[in-house]
Amino acid sequence: MNIDTNTIISMTEANQNFSKLIRTVDKYGQAIIFKNNAPQYIVRGFPNPETTEYASVSEALASAHKIMSIYDKALQELAR
């Protein structure tokens, strides 16, 4: 996993400066909280439902059909 060094925040700093953590998430989309010099947590914001694009029902059904046709044998075995 590649980690952007701009998104790294220590556990101590996250506890003491929550607003900095949130600003980092707002700017980069996520923040990685390190504890004992190792990544422990990823903090992400929720996507804005007004600007998020969703697949249509027909696109979702087409994707499901494609996946089911690729893995048909495995799905049949699991169904037994």
N, C-alpha and C. Protein backbone atom coordinates (compact mmCIF):
# COMPACT_ATOMS: atom_id res chain seq x y z
N MET A 1 0.84 -1.18 0.00
CA MET A 1 0.00 0.00 0.00
C MET A 1 0.89 1.23 0.00
N ASN A 2 0.63 2.13 -0.92
CA ASN A 2 1.36 3.38 -0.96
C ASN A 2 0.65 4.41 -0.09
N ILE A 3 1.41 5.10 0.73
CA ILE A 3 0.85 6.09 1.63
C ILE A 3 1.44 7.45 1.30
N ASP A 4 0.59 8.40 1.03
CA ASP A 4 1.02 9.78 0.80
C ASP A 4 1.47 10.35 2.14
N THR A 5 2.71 10.81 2.20
CA THR A 5 3.26 11.30 3.47
C THR A 5 2.49 12.50 4.00
N ASN A 6 1.76 13.20 3.13
CA ASN A 6 0.96 14.34 3.60
C ASN A 6 -0.24 13.89 4.43
N THR A 7 -0.61 12.62 4.34
CA THR A 7 -1.80 12.13 5.05
C THR A 7 -1.46 11.44 6.36
N ILE A 8 -0.19 11.37 6.73
CA ILE A 8 0.21 10.68 7.96
C ILE A 8 0.05 11.60 9.17
N ILE A 9 -0.62 11.08 10.18
CA ILE A 9 -0.79 11.80 11.45
C ILE A 9 -0.54 10.81 12.58
N SER A 10 0.20 11.24 13.59
CA SER A 10 0.46 10.36 14.73
C SER A 10 -0.79 10.24 15.59
N MET A 11 -0.86 9.17 16.34
CA MET A 11 -1.98 8.95 17.25
C MET A 11 -2.09 10.09 18.25
N THR A 12 -0.98 10.52 18.79
CA THR A 12 -0.97 11.62 19.75
C THR A 12 -1.52 12.90 19.13
N GLU A 13 -1.06 13.19 17.91
CA GLU A 13 -1.53 14.40 17.24
C GLU A 13 -3.01 14.32 16.90
N ALA A 14 -3.47 13.14 16.50
CA ALA A 14 -4.90 12.95 16.20
C ALA A 14 -5.74 13.19 17.44
N ASN A 15 -5.26 12.73 18.61
CA ASN A 15 -5.98 12.94 19.86
C ASN A 15 -5.98 14.39 20.29
N GLN A 16 -4.86 15.06 20.12
CA GLN A 16 -4.72 16.43 20.60
C GLN A 16 -5.20 17.48 19.61
N ASN A 17 -5.24 17.13 18.32
CA ASN A 17 -5.57 18.11 17.30
C ASN A 17 -6.52 17.48 16.28
N PHE A 18 -7.75 17.19 16.71
CA PHE A 18 -8.73 16.53 15.86
C PHE A 18 -9.04 17.36 14.62
N SER A 19 -9.05 18.68 14.76
CA SER A 19 -9.38 19.54 13.62
C SER A 19 -8.33 19.39 12.50
N LYS A 20 -7.06 19.17 12.86
CA LYS A 20 -6.04 18.94 11.84
C LYS A 20 -6.31 17.63 11.10
N LEU A 21 -6.72 16.61 11.83
CA LEU A 21 -7.06 15.33 11.22
C LEU A 21 -8.18 15.52 10.20
N ILE A 22 -9.22 16.25 10.57
CA ILE A 22 -10.36 16.48 9.69
C ILE A 22 -9.94 17.32 8.48
N ARG A 23 -9.11 18.32 8.68
CA ARG A 23 -8.63 19.13 7.55
C ARG A 23 -7.85 18.27 6.56
N THR A 24 -7.06 17.34 7.08
CA THR A 24 -6.30 16.44 6.21
C THR A 24 -7.24 15.55 5.40
N VAL A 25 -8.26 15.02 6.05
CA VAL A 25 -9.24 14.19 5.34
C VAL A 25 -9.96 15.01 4.28
N ASP A 26 -10.34 16.24 4.62
CA ASP A 26 -11.02 17.10 3.65
C ASP A 26 -10.13 17.40 2.44
N LYS A 27 -8.84 17.59 2.69
CA LYS A 27 -7.93 17.96 1.61
C LYS A 27 -7.51 16.77 0.75
N TYR A 28 -7.19 15.64 1.37
CA TYR A 28 -6.64 14.50 0.65
C TYR A 28 -7.60 13.31 0.50
N GLY A 29 -8.75 13.40 1.14
CA GLY A 29 -9.71 12.31 1.04
C GLY A 29 -9.56 11.25 2.12
N GLN A 30 -8.41 11.23 2.77
CA GLN A 30 -8.18 10.27 3.85
C GLN A 30 -6.99 10.72 4.68
N ALA A 31 -6.88 10.14 5.86
CA ALA A 31 -5.72 10.35 6.72
C ALA A 31 -5.33 9.00 7.30
N ILE A 32 -4.04 8.78 7.45
CA ILE A 32 -3.53 7.54 8.02
C ILE A 32 -2.99 7.87 9.41
N ILE A 33 -3.53 7.22 10.43
CA ILE A 33 -3.07 7.45 11.79
C ILE A 33 -2.05 6.37 12.14
N PHE A 34 -0.86 6.82 12.52
CA PHE A 34 0.22 5.91 12.90
C PHE A 34 0.27 5.76 14.42
N LYS A 35 0.50 4.55 14.87
CA LYS A 35 0.68 4.27 16.29
C LYS A 35 1.93 3.40 16.40
N ASN A 36 2.87 3.82 17.23
CA ASN A 36 4.15 3.12 17.38
C ASN A 36 4.85 2.95 16.04
N ASN A 37 4.85 4.03 15.25
CA ASN A 37 5.54 4.09 13.96
C ASN A 37 5.03 3.08 12.94
N ALA A 38 3.77 2.69 13.05
CA ALA A 38 3.16 1.78 12.09
C ALA A 38 1.74 2.25 11.79
N PRO A 39 1.29 2.12 10.55
CA PRO A 39 -0.09 2.54 10.24
C PRO A 39 -1.10 1.67 10.98
N GLN A 40 -2.05 2.32 11.65
CA GLN A 40 -3.06 1.60 12.43
C GLN A 40 -4.48 1.86 11.94
N TYR A 41 -4.75 3.07 11.51
CA TYR A 41 -6.12 3.44 11.14
C TYR A 41 -6.12 4.29 9.88
N ILE A 42 -7.20 4.13 9.10
CA ILE A 42 -7.46 5.00 7.97
C ILE A 42 -8.75 5.74 8.28
N VAL A 43 -8.72 7.05 8.19
CA VAL A 43 -9.91 7.87 8.40
C VAL A 43 -10.31 8.44 7.05
N ARG A 44 -11.55 8.19 6.65
CA ARG A 44 -12.06 8.70 5.38
C ARG A 44 -13.38 9.40 5.61
N GLY A 45 -13.65 10.36 4.75
CA GLY A 45 -14.94 11.03 4.81
C GLY A 45 -15.96 10.30 3.96
N PHE A 46 -17.23 10.57 4.22
CA PHE A 46 -18.29 10.01 3.41
C PHE A 46 -18.39 10.81 2.12
N PRO A 47 -18.67 10.12 1.00
CA PRO A 47 -18.85 10.87 -0.24
C PRO A 47 -20.13 11.69 -0.19
N ASN A 48 -20.13 12.79 -0.88
CA ASN A 48 -21.29 13.66 -0.93
C ASN A 48 -22.34 13.02 -1.85
N PRO A 49 -23.52 12.67 -1.33
CA PRO A 49 -24.51 11.98 -2.17
C PRO A 49 -25.02 12.84 -3.32
N GLU A 50 -24.90 14.15 -3.22
CA GLU A 50 -25.38 15.03 -4.28
C GLU A 50 -24.43 15.03 -5.48
N THR A 51 -23.14 14.73 -5.26
CA THR A 51 -22.18 14.76 -6.36
C THR A 51 -21.71 13.37 -6.77
N THR A 52 -22.13 12.34 -6.04
CA THR A 52 -21.71 10.98 -6.35
C THR A 52 -22.59 10.42 -7.45
N GLU A 53 -21.94 9.80 -8.45
CA GLU A 53 -22.69 9.18 -9.53
C GLU A 53 -22.87 7.70 -9.23
N TYR A 54 -24.06 7.22 -9.45
CA TYR A 54 -24.37 5.82 -9.21
C TYR A 54 -24.71 5.15 -10.54
N ALA A 55 -24.46 3.86 -10.60
CA ALA A 55 -24.81 3.09 -11.79
C ALA A 55 -26.32 2.95 -11.88
N SER A 56 -26.81 2.88 -13.12
CA SER A 56 -28.25 2.64 -13.30
C SER A 56 -28.54 1.18 -12.97
N VAL A 57 -29.80 0.88 -12.83
CA VAL A 57 -30.21 -0.49 -12.52
C VAL A 57 -29.77 -1.43 -13.63
N SER A 58 -29.91 -1.01 -14.88
CA SER A 58 -29.52 -1.87 -16.00
C SER A 58 -28.01 -2.12 -16.01
N GLU A 59 -27.21 -1.10 -15.65
CA GLU A 59 -25.77 -1.29 -15.57
C GLU A 59 -25.40 -2.24 -14.44
N ALA A 60 -26.07 -2.12 -13.31
CA ALA A 60 -25.80 -3.00 -12.18
C ALA A 60 -26.17 -4.44 -12.52
N LEU A 61 -27.31 -4.64 -13.17
CA LEU A 61 -27.72 -5.98 -13.56
C LEU A 61 -26.77 -6.59 -14.59
N ALA A 62 -26.30 -5.78 -15.52
CA ALA A 62 -25.35 -6.26 -16.52
C ALA A 62 -24.05 -6.70 -15.85
N SER A 63 -23.58 -5.92 -14.87
CA SER A 63 -22.36 -6.29 -14.14
C SER A 63 -22.55 -7.57 -13.35
N ALA A 64 -23.70 -7.70 -12.70
CA ALA A 64 -23.99 -8.92 -11.93
C ALA A 64 -24.06 -10.13 -12.84
N HIS A 65 -24.68 -9.98 -14.01
CA HIS A 65 -24.78 -11.09 -14.96
C HIS A 65 -23.39 -11.50 -15.44
N LYS A 66 -22.54 -10.53 -15.72
CA LYS A 66 -21.18 -10.81 -16.18
C LYS A 66 -20.40 -11.58 -15.11
N ILE A 67 -20.48 -11.15 -13.87
CA ILE A 67 -19.77 -11.82 -12.78
C ILE A 67 -20.30 -13.24 -12.59
N MET A 68 -21.62 -13.37 -12.62
CA MET A 68 -22.21 -14.71 -12.43
C MET A 68 -21.83 -15.65 -13.57
N SER A 69 -21.72 -15.12 -14.78
CA SER A 69 -21.36 -16.00 -15.89
C SER A 69 -19.89 -16.41 -15.80
N ILE A 70 -19.04 -15.55 -15.30
CA ILE A 70 -17.61 -15.87 -15.16
C ILE A 70 -17.42 -16.95 -14.09
N TYR A 71 -18.14 -16.82 -12.98
CA TYR A 71 -17.95 -17.71 -11.84
C TYR A 71 -19.09 -18.72 -11.69
N ASP A 72 -19.76 -19.06 -12.78
CA ASP A 72 -20.92 -19.93 -12.74
C ASP A 72 -20.60 -21.28 -12.09
N LYS A 73 -19.50 -21.91 -12.49
CA LYS A 73 -19.17 -23.23 -11.92
C LYS A 73 -18.93 -23.14 -10.41
N ALA A 74 -18.19 -22.15 -9.99
CA ALA A 74 -17.90 -22.00 -8.56
C ALA A 74 -19.18 -21.72 -7.78
N LEU A 75 -20.07 -20.90 -8.34
CA LEU A 75 -21.32 -20.59 -7.66
C LEU A 75 -22.21 -21.84 -7.56
N GLN A 76 -22.19 -22.65 -8.61
CA GLN A 76 -22.97 -23.91 -8.56
C GLN A 76 -22.45 -24.83 -7.46
N GLU A 77 -21.13 -24.91 -7.32
CA GLU A 77 -20.54 -25.74 -6.28
C GLU A 77 -20.88 -25.22 -4.89
N LEU A 78 -20.85 -23.93 -4.73
CA LEU A 78 -21.18 -23.34 -3.43
C LEU A 78 -22.66 -23.54 -3.09
N ALA A 79 -23.51 -23.61 -4.11
CA ALA A 79 -24.94 -23.77 -3.87
C ALA A 79 -25.29 -25.18 -3.38
N ARG A 80 -24.42 -26.15 -3.61
CA ARG A 80 -24.70 -27.53 -3.18
C ARG A 80 -24.66 -27.69 -1.69
